[in-house]
């Protein structure tokens, strides 16, 4: 790198191109965001010549630490936890800034919560990493239900699958697990999390295990993601997951978590008992979904797993289901109030602990703001909404 003038600098072209590609931006899109012509972006990436001010704007727009732009070669971004994401049988590629920042933010929350639990004298959670390698899906699923305070017919007691989803989320938190459901980086609606990149991840800790679910995914599929990430916690295996047709990446850990999640939501023995009756109905998957209080796509996927239907039948149903979900989502639009969203973006367990620590003077308010992503009056209102 060498200076070419007071305001002009020459950076490594490959690093400038890396910053754009890392942010998943085409040259035209980046140019629009920066208010320059596409030819200017091409020129930067060919020659490396760029003004100091433009370099700063480029860093901000691509969510790249500005110091990275001055490196002689592109740095290698790596997730701090195992990466199980694939497309087909191939690795998905380098993680986006949005995914990286989300994982790092959740790690900060987890680290703080761990220290908080230890200071309060809480004992480690016995179920974290408690499963031995030889345990089968039926055994693990039963142990998960027991730890979460769920009986065998817990889902059927709920009026519908959306109520079952909320009930499960509440039970997860009550068991001592942090659960975050968010579709953007923090509260930044201009930085959506790409559901094609990841569906969820699990962070393992014996005091503060954490599950993150990408809220950009269909609501009906989130139950499966929660169950899958719960299995990660019982196995003691952290990692980032994505699913294609509700199928996990071809990793042994992911395959096992998928089997456990399926058994947790739709026990094989129970489905086999009622399938003969359901199979002749006009909409058998919807009938099974109603019985187990899961979405119809989860019921269909489980039917495939157990060999009750052919793969072609499942894929036909999956494509039709996706199209219908997209239509319904378009009708609903970006729903939910800001305050209702905080209930799942922060979670009651973490939120209550942060508020209590701040009020007791054990946590600076600036630190509380950083942990929750809320500041000033918004934090105060969040506190009131929690009844604290």
Protein backbone atom coordinates (compact mmCIF):
# COMPACT_ATOMS: atom_id res chain seq x y z
CA UNK A 1 0.00 0.00 0.00
CA UNK A 2 1.24 3.50 -0.78
CA UNK A 3 -0.17 6.98 -0.56
CA UNK A 4 -1.04 8.78 -3.80
CA UNK A 5 -1.97 12.09 -2.30
CA UNK A 6 -3.49 13.75 0.70
CA UNK A 7 -7.01 12.35 0.13
CA UNK A 8 -6.22 9.45 -2.20
CA UNK A 9 -4.84 6.11 -1.08
CA UNK A 10 -4.07 2.88 -2.89
CA UNK A 11 -5.36 -0.28 -1.26
CA UNK A 12 -5.09 -3.87 -2.37
CA UNK A 13 -7.79 -4.42 -5.06
CA UNK A 14 -8.46 -7.98 -3.94
CA UNK A 15 -9.25 -6.74 -0.42
CA UNK A 16 -11.75 -4.18 -1.75
CA UNK A 17 -13.42 -6.87 -3.83
CA UNK A 18 -13.45 -9.20 -0.83
CA UNK A 19 -15.22 -6.58 1.30
CA UNK A 20 -18.01 -6.25 -1.26
CA UNK A 21 -18.41 -9.98 -1.85
CA UNK A 22 -18.28 -10.68 1.88
CA UNK A 23 -21.31 -8.39 2.30
CA UNK A 24 -23.15 -10.30 -0.46
CA UNK A 25 -23.36 -7.17 -2.65
CA UNK A 26 -23.14 -6.90 -6.42
CA UNK A 27 -21.16 -3.92 -7.82
CA UNK A 28 -24.39 -2.21 -8.93
CA UNK A 29 -25.98 -2.64 -5.50
CA UNK A 30 -22.91 -1.34 -3.68
CA UNK A 31 -22.69 1.64 -6.02
CA UNK A 32 -26.32 2.51 -5.32
CA UNK A 33 -25.77 2.32 -1.57
CA UNK A 34 -22.69 4.55 -1.82
CA UNK A 35 -24.26 6.99 -4.27
CA UNK A 36 -21.61 6.46 -6.96
CA UNK A 37 -21.62 5.06 -10.48
CA UNK A 38 -21.00 1.30 -10.87
CA UNK A 39 -17.89 2.16 -12.91
CA UNK A 40 -16.38 3.70 -9.80
CA UNK A 41 -16.70 0.45 -7.86
CA UNK A 42 -15.12 -1.45 -10.76
CA UNK A 43 -12.28 1.08 -10.85
CA UNK A 44 -11.58 0.62 -7.13
CA UNK A 45 -11.45 -3.14 -7.50
CA UNK A 46 -9.17 -2.91 -10.55
CA UNK A 47 -6.67 -0.30 -9.35
CA UNK A 48 -7.13 -0.11 -5.59
CA UNK A 49 -7.19 3.70 -5.83
CA UNK A 50 -9.83 5.14 -3.53
CA UNK A 51 -10.22 8.21 -1.37
CA UNK A 52 -9.85 7.99 2.39
CA UNK A 53 -13.48 9.10 2.83
CA UNK A 54 -14.74 6.54 0.30
CA UNK A 55 -12.81 3.78 2.01
CA UNK A 56 -14.49 4.65 5.31
CA UNK A 57 -17.92 4.66 3.63
CA UNK A 58 -17.14 1.35 1.95
CA UNK A 59 -16.20 -0.17 5.30
CA UNK A 60 -19.40 1.08 6.94
CA UNK A 61 -21.65 -0.04 4.08
CA UNK A 62 -20.14 -3.53 3.89
CA UNK A 63 -19.96 -3.86 7.69
CA UNK A 64 -16.21 -4.43 7.44
CA UNK A 65 -13.80 -3.30 10.17
CA UNK A 66 -12.06 -0.39 8.47
CA UNK A 67 -8.62 -1.71 9.37
CA UNK A 68 -9.28 -4.80 7.25
CA UNK A 69 -9.31 -2.67 4.09
CA UNK A 70 -5.65 -1.78 4.68
CA UNK A 71 -4.44 -5.38 4.81
CA UNK A 72 -2.22 -6.74 2.00
CA UNK A 73 -4.47 -9.80 1.54
CA UNK A 74 -8.10 -10.55 2.40
CA UNK A 75 -8.48 -11.99 5.90
CA UNK A 76 -10.23 -15.31 6.37
CA UNK A 77 -13.52 -15.00 8.23
CA UNK A 78 -14.28 -17.99 10.40
CA UNK A 79 -17.17 -18.70 12.69
CA UNK A 80 -16.14 -19.20 16.32
CA UNK A 81 -18.27 -22.36 16.51
CA UNK A 82 -18.54 -25.41 14.21
CA UNK A 83 -20.10 -24.62 10.85
CA UNK A 84 -22.54 -27.27 9.63
CA UNK A 85 -24.04 -25.18 6.83
CA UNK A 86 -24.10 -26.66 3.33
CA UNK A 87 -25.87 -26.36 0.00
CA UNK A 88 -26.53 -29.89 -1.13
CA UNK A 89 -23.32 -31.69 -0.25
CA UNK A 90 -21.08 -28.61 -0.49
CA UNK A 91 -20.01 -26.16 2.24
CA UNK A 92 -21.95 -22.91 2.01
CA UNK A 93 -18.86 -20.69 2.00
CA UNK A 94 -17.59 -17.86 4.17
CA UNK A 95 -20.10 -16.53 6.72
CA UNK A 96 -21.63 -13.11 6.08
CA UNK A 97 -20.96 -10.14 8.39
CA UNK A 98 -24.56 -10.43 9.58
CA UNK A 99 -24.10 -14.02 10.72
CA UNK A 100 -20.69 -13.33 12.27
CA UNK A 101 -21.94 -10.34 14.24
CA UNK A 102 -25.03 -12.23 15.41
CA UNK A 103 -22.98 -15.15 16.74
CA UNK A 104 -20.56 -12.76 18.45
CA UNK A 105 -23.40 -10.78 20.02
CA UNK A 106 -24.96 -13.98 21.37
CA UNK A 107 -21.59 -15.07 22.75
CA UNK A 108 -21.34 -11.79 24.67
CA UNK A 109 -24.82 -12.31 26.10
CA UNK A 110 -23.97 -15.86 27.06
CA UNK A 111 -20.69 -14.88 28.72
CA UNK A 112 -22.43 -12.24 30.82
CA UNK A 113 -25.25 -14.60 31.78
CA UNK A 114 -22.77 -17.30 32.75
CA UNK A 115 -21.01 -14.95 35.18
CA UNK A 116 -24.36 -13.76 36.52
CA UNK A 117 -25.50 -17.32 37.24
CA UNK A 118 -22.22 -18.23 38.94
CA UNK A 119 -22.32 -15.10 41.12
CA UNK A 120 -25.86 -15.97 42.19
CA UNK A 121 -24.78 -19.43 43.21
CA UNK A 122 -26.70 -21.26 40.51
CA UNK A 123 -25.64 -24.85 39.89
CA UNK A 124 -24.62 -26.08 36.43
CA UNK A 125 -27.42 -27.45 34.29
CA UNK A 126 -27.08 -31.22 34.37
CA UNK A 127 -28.62 -31.83 30.96
CA UNK A 128 -26.00 -29.88 28.97
CA UNK A 129 -23.83 -32.45 27.18
CA UNK A 130 -25.44 -35.23 29.23
CA UNK A 131 -26.12 -37.65 26.37
CA UNK A 132 -23.70 -40.50 25.83
CA UNK A 133 -22.68 -41.41 22.27
CA UNK A 134 -24.76 -44.58 22.19
CA UNK A 135 -28.09 -43.04 23.20
CA UNK A 136 -30.78 -43.32 20.54
CA UNK A 137 -33.25 -40.62 19.42
CA UNK A 138 -36.14 -42.05 21.47
CA UNK A 139 -34.11 -41.98 24.69
CA UNK A 140 -32.70 -38.51 24.11
CA UNK A 141 -36.08 -37.04 23.12
CA UNK A 142 -37.64 -38.48 26.27
CA UNK A 143 -34.90 -36.96 28.42
CA UNK A 144 -35.36 -33.61 26.73
CA UNK A 145 -39.11 -33.64 27.38
CA UNK A 146 -38.51 -34.57 31.01
CA UNK A 147 -36.03 -31.74 31.59
CA UNK A 148 -38.38 -29.24 29.97
CA UNK A 149 -41.33 -30.39 32.07
CA UNK A 150 -43.25 -31.78 29.09
CA UNK A 151 -45.36 -34.90 29.28
CA UNK A 152 -45.98 -37.20 26.35
CA UNK A 153 -49.08 -35.35 25.23
CA UNK A 154 -47.91 -31.80 25.90
CA UNK A 155 -48.52 -30.55 22.38
CA UNK A 156 -52.03 -31.95 22.10
CA UNK A 157 -53.02 -29.86 25.12
CA UNK A 158 -52.39 -26.70 23.09
CA UNK A 159 -55.15 -25.30 20.83
CA UNK A 160 -52.88 -24.98 17.77
CA UNK A 161 -49.25 -25.23 16.70
CA UNK A 162 -48.56 -21.52 17.16
CA UNK A 163 -49.63 -21.83 20.80
CA UNK A 164 -47.49 -24.96 21.09
CA UNK A 165 -44.52 -23.00 19.71
CA UNK A 166 -44.92 -20.27 22.33
CA UNK A 167 -45.43 -22.84 25.08
CA UNK A 168 -42.27 -24.68 24.05
CA UNK A 169 -40.30 -21.42 23.99
CA UNK A 170 -41.48 -20.59 27.51
CA UNK A 171 -40.55 -24.06 28.78
CA UNK A 172 -37.10 -23.78 27.22
CA UNK A 173 -36.46 -20.53 29.08
CA UNK A 174 -37.87 -21.93 32.33
CA UNK A 175 -35.36 -24.80 32.11
CA UNK A 176 -32.49 -22.30 32.11
CA UNK A 177 -31.80 -22.08 28.38
CA UNK A 178 -31.50 -18.68 26.69
CA UNK A 179 -33.57 -18.59 23.52
CA UNK A 180 -33.43 -15.78 20.99
CA UNK A 181 -35.63 -15.54 17.90
CA UNK A 182 -34.62 -12.72 15.58
CA UNK A 183 -34.58 -12.03 11.87
CA UNK A 184 -32.23 -9.03 11.85
CA UNK A 185 -28.86 -8.07 13.31
CA UNK A 186 -29.80 -6.73 16.74
CA UNK A 187 -32.64 -4.30 16.10
CA UNK A 188 -31.37 -3.12 12.72
CA UNK A 189 -34.19 -3.85 10.25
CA UNK A 190 -31.88 -2.81 7.41
CA UNK A 191 -29.73 -5.88 8.09
CA UNK A 192 -31.97 -8.93 7.68
CA UNK A 193 -30.56 -12.38 8.41
CA UNK A 194 -30.58 -14.55 5.31
CA UNK A 195 -32.55 -17.71 6.03
CA UNK A 196 -30.80 -19.41 3.12
CA UNK A 197 -27.51 -18.89 4.97
CA UNK A 198 -28.58 -20.31 8.33
CA UNK A 199 -31.69 -21.34 10.27
CA UNK A 200 -30.26 -21.38 13.76
CA UNK A 201 -27.34 -22.14 16.03
CA UNK A 202 -26.57 -23.38 19.51
CA UNK A 203 -23.95 -22.14 21.98
CA UNK A 204 -23.02 -24.60 24.70
CA UNK A 205 -22.40 -23.67 28.32
CA UNK A 206 -23.31 -25.52 31.51
CA UNK A 207 -24.67 -22.32 33.11
CA UNK A 208 -26.12 -20.43 30.14
CA UNK A 209 -26.74 -22.56 27.03
CA UNK A 210 -28.21 -20.49 24.20
CA UNK A 211 -30.38 -21.22 21.18
CA UNK A 212 -30.74 -18.75 18.32
CA UNK A 213 -33.52 -19.14 15.73
CA UNK A 214 -33.58 -17.14 12.50
CA UNK A 215 -36.96 -15.40 12.54
CA UNK A 216 -36.68 -14.89 8.79
CA UNK A 217 -37.65 -18.52 8.41
CA UNK A 218 -41.28 -19.57 8.07
CA UNK A 219 -42.98 -19.59 11.46
CA UNK A 220 -44.18 -23.10 10.78
CA UNK A 221 -40.59 -24.35 10.45
CA UNK A 222 -39.23 -22.70 13.60
CA UNK A 223 -40.51 -25.44 15.90
CA UNK A 224 -38.22 -27.90 14.14
CA UNK A 225 -35.26 -25.53 14.45
CA UNK A 226 -35.82 -25.11 18.20
CA UNK A 227 -35.99 -28.88 18.68
CA UNK A 228 -32.89 -29.37 16.55
CA UNK A 229 -30.86 -26.81 18.53
CA UNK A 230 -32.10 -28.33 21.79
CA UNK A 231 -30.62 -31.61 20.65
CA UNK A 232 -27.29 -29.83 20.14
CA UNK A 233 -27.39 -28.74 23.79
CA UNK A 234 -28.13 -32.24 25.09
CA UNK A 235 -25.27 -33.58 22.96
CA UNK A 236 -23.00 -30.75 24.10
CA UNK A 237 -22.20 -29.91 20.47
CA UNK A 238 -22.28 -26.22 19.43
CA UNK A 239 -22.80 -25.28 15.80
CA UNK A 240 -24.55 -23.30 13.08
CA UNK A 241 -27.22 -25.14 11.09
CA UNK A 242 -29.22 -24.67 7.94
CA UNK A 243 -31.85 -26.95 6.45
CA UNK A 244 -32.84 -27.65 2.86
CA UNK A 245 -36.30 -29.22 2.74
CA UNK A 246 -35.93 -29.59 6.53
CA UNK A 247 -32.92 -31.82 5.91
CA UNK A 248 -29.73 -31.04 7.84
CA UNK A 249 -26.28 -30.81 6.35
CA UNK A 250 -24.55 -34.18 5.81
CA UNK A 251 -22.66 -34.13 9.10
CA UNK A 252 -22.94 -36.88 11.70
CA UNK A 253 -23.82 -34.42 14.48
CA UNK A 254 -26.47 -32.72 12.35
CA UNK A 255 -27.99 -36.00 11.27
CA UNK A 256 -28.27 -37.13 14.87
CA UNK A 257 -29.78 -33.82 15.99
CA UNK A 258 -32.30 -34.07 13.18
CA UNK A 259 -33.37 -37.54 14.29
CA UNK A 260 -33.72 -36.42 17.91
CA UNK A 261 -35.70 -33.31 16.95
CA UNK A 262 -38.09 -35.34 14.82
CA UNK A 263 -38.68 -37.84 17.63
CA UNK A 264 -39.12 -35.01 20.13
CA UNK A 265 -41.87 -33.38 18.07
CA UNK A 266 -43.52 -36.41 16.47
CA UNK A 267 -42.75 -39.71 18.21
CA UNK A 268 -42.40 -42.50 15.67
CA UNK A 269 -44.51 -44.95 17.66
CA UNK A 270 -47.40 -42.50 18.00
CA UNK A 271 -47.38 -41.52 14.30
CA UNK A 272 -47.28 -45.16 13.21
CA UNK A 273 -50.33 -45.86 15.39
CA UNK A 274 -52.52 -43.27 13.69
CA UNK A 275 -51.06 -43.23 10.16
CA UNK A 276 -53.31 -45.94 8.69
CA UNK A 277 -56.34 -43.87 9.63
CA UNK A 278 -54.81 -40.59 8.47
CA UNK A 279 -53.39 -41.88 5.18
CA UNK A 280 -56.79 -42.10 3.49
CA UNK A 281 -57.83 -38.59 4.43
CA UNK A 282 -57.77 -35.81 1.80
CA UNK A 283 -55.06 -33.94 3.75
CA UNK A 284 -53.17 -36.51 5.85
CA UNK A 285 -50.27 -34.21 6.76
CA UNK A 286 -52.61 -31.53 8.07
CA UNK A 287 -54.42 -34.18 10.13
CA UNK A 288 -51.13 -35.41 11.60
CA UNK A 289 -50.08 -31.82 12.25
CA UNK A 290 -53.30 -31.17 14.15
CA UNK A 291 -52.78 -34.30 16.23
CA UNK A 292 -49.21 -33.45 17.26
CA UNK A 293 -49.62 -29.63 17.17
CA UNK A 294 -46.77 -29.16 14.74
CA UNK A 295 -46.86 -27.56 11.31
CA UNK A 296 -47.94 -29.69 8.36
CA UNK A 297 -44.45 -29.53 6.86
CA UNK A 298 -42.94 -31.07 10.01
CA UNK A 299 -45.58 -33.81 9.91
CA UNK A 300 -44.80 -34.47 6.25
CA UNK A 301 -41.08 -34.57 6.90
CA UNK A 302 -41.57 -37.05 9.74
CA UNK A 303 -43.73 -39.24 7.51
CA UNK A 304 -40.87 -39.36 5.02
CA UNK A 305 -38.32 -40.17 7.74
CA UNK A 306 -40.37 -43.17 8.83
CA UNK A 307 -40.88 -44.47 5.30
CA UNK A 308 -44.61 -43.79 5.34
CA UNK A 309 -44.44 -41.76 2.12
CA UNK A 310 -42.10 -41.55 -0.86
CA UNK A 311 -39.57 -38.76 -1.25
CA UNK A 312 -41.27 -37.47 -4.40
CA UNK A 313 -44.54 -37.04 -2.52
CA UNK A 314 -42.79 -35.10 0.23
CA UNK A 315 -40.96 -32.80 -2.19
CA UNK A 316 -44.20 -32.04 -4.07
CA UNK A 317 -45.89 -31.16 -0.79
CA UNK A 318 -42.86 -29.13 0.36
CA UNK A 319 -42.84 -26.98 -2.76
CA UNK A 320 -46.57 -26.33 -2.53
CA UNK A 321 -46.23 -25.54 1.18
CA UNK A 322 -43.39 -23.08 0.53
CA UNK A 323 -45.42 -21.26 -2.13
CA UNK A 324 -48.43 -21.02 0.19
CA UNK A 325 -46.28 -19.77 3.10
CA UNK A 326 -44.80 -17.05 0.89
CA UNK A 327 -48.25 -15.92 -0.17
CA UNK A 328 -49.45 -15.82 3.43
CA UNK A 329 -46.33 -13.95 4.54
CA UNK A 330 -46.84 -11.37 1.79
CA UNK A 331 -50.40 -10.78 2.97
CA UNK A 332 -49.32 -10.39 6.60
CA UNK A 333 -46.37 -8.12 5.83
CA UNK A 334 -43.67 -7.31 8.41
CA UNK A 335 -45.94 -7.73 11.42
CA UNK A 336 -45.36 -7.40 15.12
CA UNK A 337 -44.78 -4.34 17.24
CA UNK A 338 -41.30 -3.26 18.27
CA UNK A 339 -42.04 -4.13 21.90
CA UNK A 340 -43.54 -7.53 21.17
CA UNK A 341 -40.48 -8.33 19.08
CA UNK A 342 -38.20 -7.62 22.04
CA UNK A 343 -39.82 -10.47 23.94
CA UNK A 344 -38.23 -12.92 21.52
CA UNK A 345 -35.22 -10.89 20.35
CA UNK A 346 -33.95 -10.56 23.92
CA UNK A 347 -35.95 -13.15 25.81
CA UNK A 348 -37.50 -12.86 29.24
CA UNK A 349 -34.75 -14.80 30.99
CA UNK A 350 -31.87 -12.62 29.82
CA UNK A 351 -33.91 -9.41 29.86
CA UNK A 352 -35.04 -9.81 33.45
CA UNK A 353 -31.52 -10.60 34.65
CA UNK A 354 -30.04 -7.57 32.85
CA UNK A 355 -32.71 -5.21 34.18
CA UNK A 356 -32.34 -6.52 37.73
CA UNK A 357 -28.54 -6.21 37.64
CA UNK A 358 -28.75 -2.64 36.31
CA UNK A 359 -31.28 -1.59 38.95
CA UNK A 360 -29.18 -3.11 41.72
CA UNK A 361 -26.09 -1.27 40.51
CA UNK A 362 -24.20 -4.43 39.58
CA UNK A 363 -24.27 -3.56 35.89
CA UNK A 364 -23.64 -0.18 34.28
CA UNK A 365 -26.55 1.01 32.19
CA UNK A 366 -24.23 1.40 29.21
CA UNK A 367 -23.43 -2.30 29.53
CA UNK A 368 -27.13 -3.12 29.86
CA UNK A 369 -27.79 -1.16 26.67
CA UNK A 370 -25.06 -3.09 24.86
CA UNK A 371 -26.43 -6.46 25.99
CA UNK A 372 -30.03 -5.73 25.00
CA UNK A 373 -29.53 -3.45 22.01
CA UNK A 374 -31.82 -0.90 23.67
CA UNK A 375 -30.88 2.56 24.91
CA UNK A 376 -32.32 5.31 27.09
CA UNK A 377 -36.10 5.55 26.93
CA UNK A 378 -36.46 2.34 24.93
CA UNK A 379 -34.66 0.44 27.70
CA UNK A 380 -36.87 2.11 30.31
CA UNK A 381 -40.02 1.11 28.43
CA UNK A 382 -38.72 -2.42 28.00
CA UNK A 383 -38.22 -2.53 31.78
CA UNK A 384 -41.79 -1.36 32.40
CA UNK A 385 -43.21 -3.84 29.91
CA UNK A 386 -41.49 -6.61 31.85
CA UNK A 387 -43.16 -5.37 35.04
CA UNK A 388 -39.87 -4.55 36.73
